[in-house]
Amino acid sequence: MTVLPSLMVDTTDVHRMHKRNKVSNHELRLAEFIV
């Protein structure tokens, strides 16, 4: 259960980064895969 919140926070961070730096969908998916 501890991993779930951590993953959620990571996903939010990635989304924020994506919106801030306008990362391409490919890079966003790669980041999600790494997470």
N, C-alpha and C. Protein backbone atom coordinates (compact mmCIF):
# COMPACT_ATOMS: atom_id res chain seq x y z
N MET A 1 0.85 -1.21 0.00
CA MET A 1 0.00 0.00 0.00
C MET A 1 0.88 1.26 0.00
N THR A 2 2.08 1.09 0.54
CA THR A 2 2.97 2.27 0.57
C THR A 2 3.47 2.61 -0.82
N VAL A 3 3.53 1.59 -1.68
CA VAL A 3 4.03 1.83 -3.04
C VAL A 3 3.00 2.61 -3.87
N LEU A 4 1.73 2.38 -3.60
CA LEU A 4 0.68 3.04 -4.37
C LEU A 4 0.78 4.56 -4.26
N PRO A 5 0.77 5.12 -3.04
CA PRO A 5 0.86 6.59 -2.91
C PRO A 5 2.12 7.12 -3.56
N SER A 6 3.23 6.42 -3.38
CA SER A 6 4.51 6.87 -3.96
C SER A 6 4.37 6.96 -5.47
N LEU A 7 3.78 5.94 -6.06
CA LEU A 7 3.61 5.92 -7.52
C LEU A 7 2.71 7.08 -7.94
N MET A 8 1.65 7.31 -7.18
CA MET A 8 0.71 8.39 -7.50
C MET A 8 1.44 9.73 -7.48
N VAL A 9 2.25 9.94 -6.46
CA VAL A 9 3.00 11.21 -6.35
C VAL A 9 3.95 11.33 -7.54
N ASP A 10 4.63 10.23 -7.88
CA ASP A 10 5.56 10.26 -9.01
C ASP A 10 4.83 10.62 -10.29
N THR A 11 3.66 10.01 -10.49
CA THR A 11 2.89 10.29 -11.70
C THR A 11 2.51 11.77 -11.75
N THR A 12 2.12 12.32 -10.60
CA THR A 12 1.75 13.74 -10.57
C THR A 12 2.95 14.60 -10.93
N ASP A 13 4.11 14.24 -10.39
CA ASP A 13 5.33 15.00 -10.68
C ASP A 13 5.62 14.96 -12.19
N VAL A 14 5.48 13.78 -12.75
CA VAL A 14 5.74 13.63 -14.20
C VAL A 14 4.76 14.49 -14.99
N HIS A 15 3.52 14.48 -14.57
CA HIS A 15 2.50 15.27 -15.27
C HIS A 15 2.84 16.76 -15.17
N ARG A 16 3.27 17.17 -14.00
CA ARG A 16 3.63 18.59 -13.80
C ARG A 16 4.81 18.95 -14.70
N MET A 17 5.80 18.08 -14.72
CA MET A 17 6.98 18.32 -15.56
C MET A 17 6.56 18.38 -17.02
N HIS A 18 5.67 17.47 -17.40
CA HIS A 18 5.20 17.42 -18.79
C HIS A 18 4.52 18.74 -19.17
N LYS A 19 3.73 19.25 -18.27
CA LYS A 19 3.01 20.49 -18.56
C LYS A 19 3.99 21.68 -18.52
N ARG A 20 4.96 21.62 -17.65
CA ARG A 20 5.89 22.74 -17.48
C ARG A 20 6.87 22.80 -18.66
N ASN A 21 7.49 21.67 -18.96
CA ASN A 21 8.48 21.64 -20.04
C ASN A 21 7.89 21.17 -21.36
N LYS A 22 6.58 20.85 -21.34
CA LYS A 22 5.92 20.39 -22.57
C LYS A 22 6.70 19.23 -23.19
N VAL A 23 6.97 18.24 -22.36
CA VAL A 23 7.71 17.07 -22.86
C VAL A 23 6.85 16.30 -23.85
N SER A 24 7.48 15.72 -24.84
CA SER A 24 6.73 14.96 -25.84
C SER A 24 6.08 13.73 -25.20
N ASN A 25 5.02 13.23 -25.80
CA ASN A 25 4.32 12.07 -25.26
C ASN A 25 5.26 10.88 -25.13
N HIS A 26 6.17 10.75 -26.07
CA HIS A 26 7.10 9.61 -26.04
C HIS A 26 7.96 9.66 -24.77
N GLU A 27 8.50 10.83 -24.48
CA GLU A 27 9.34 10.96 -23.29
C GLU A 27 8.51 10.76 -22.03
N LEU A 28 7.29 11.28 -22.05
CA LEU A 28 6.41 11.14 -20.88
C LEU A 28 6.16 9.66 -20.62
N ARG A 29 5.89 8.91 -21.68
CA ARG A 29 5.62 7.48 -21.52
C ARG A 29 6.87 6.77 -21.00
N LEU A 30 8.02 7.18 -21.48
CA LEU A 30 9.27 6.56 -21.04
C LEU A 30 9.44 6.80 -19.53
N ALA A 31 9.18 8.03 -19.11
CA ALA A 31 9.32 8.36 -17.70
C ALA A 31 8.35 7.52 -16.87
N GLU A 32 7.11 7.38 -17.36
CA GLU A 32 6.13 6.58 -16.63
C GLU A 32 6.58 5.13 -16.55
N PHE A 33 7.20 4.64 -17.64
CA PHE A 33 7.67 3.26 -17.65
C PHE A 33 8.78 3.07 -16.62
N ILE A 34 9.69 4.04 -16.57
CA ILE A 34 10.80 3.96 -15.61
C ILE A 34 10.25 3.94 -14.19
N VAL A 35 9.23 4.79 -13.97
CA VAL A 35 8.64 4.85 -12.62
C VAL A 35 7.98 3.51 -12.35
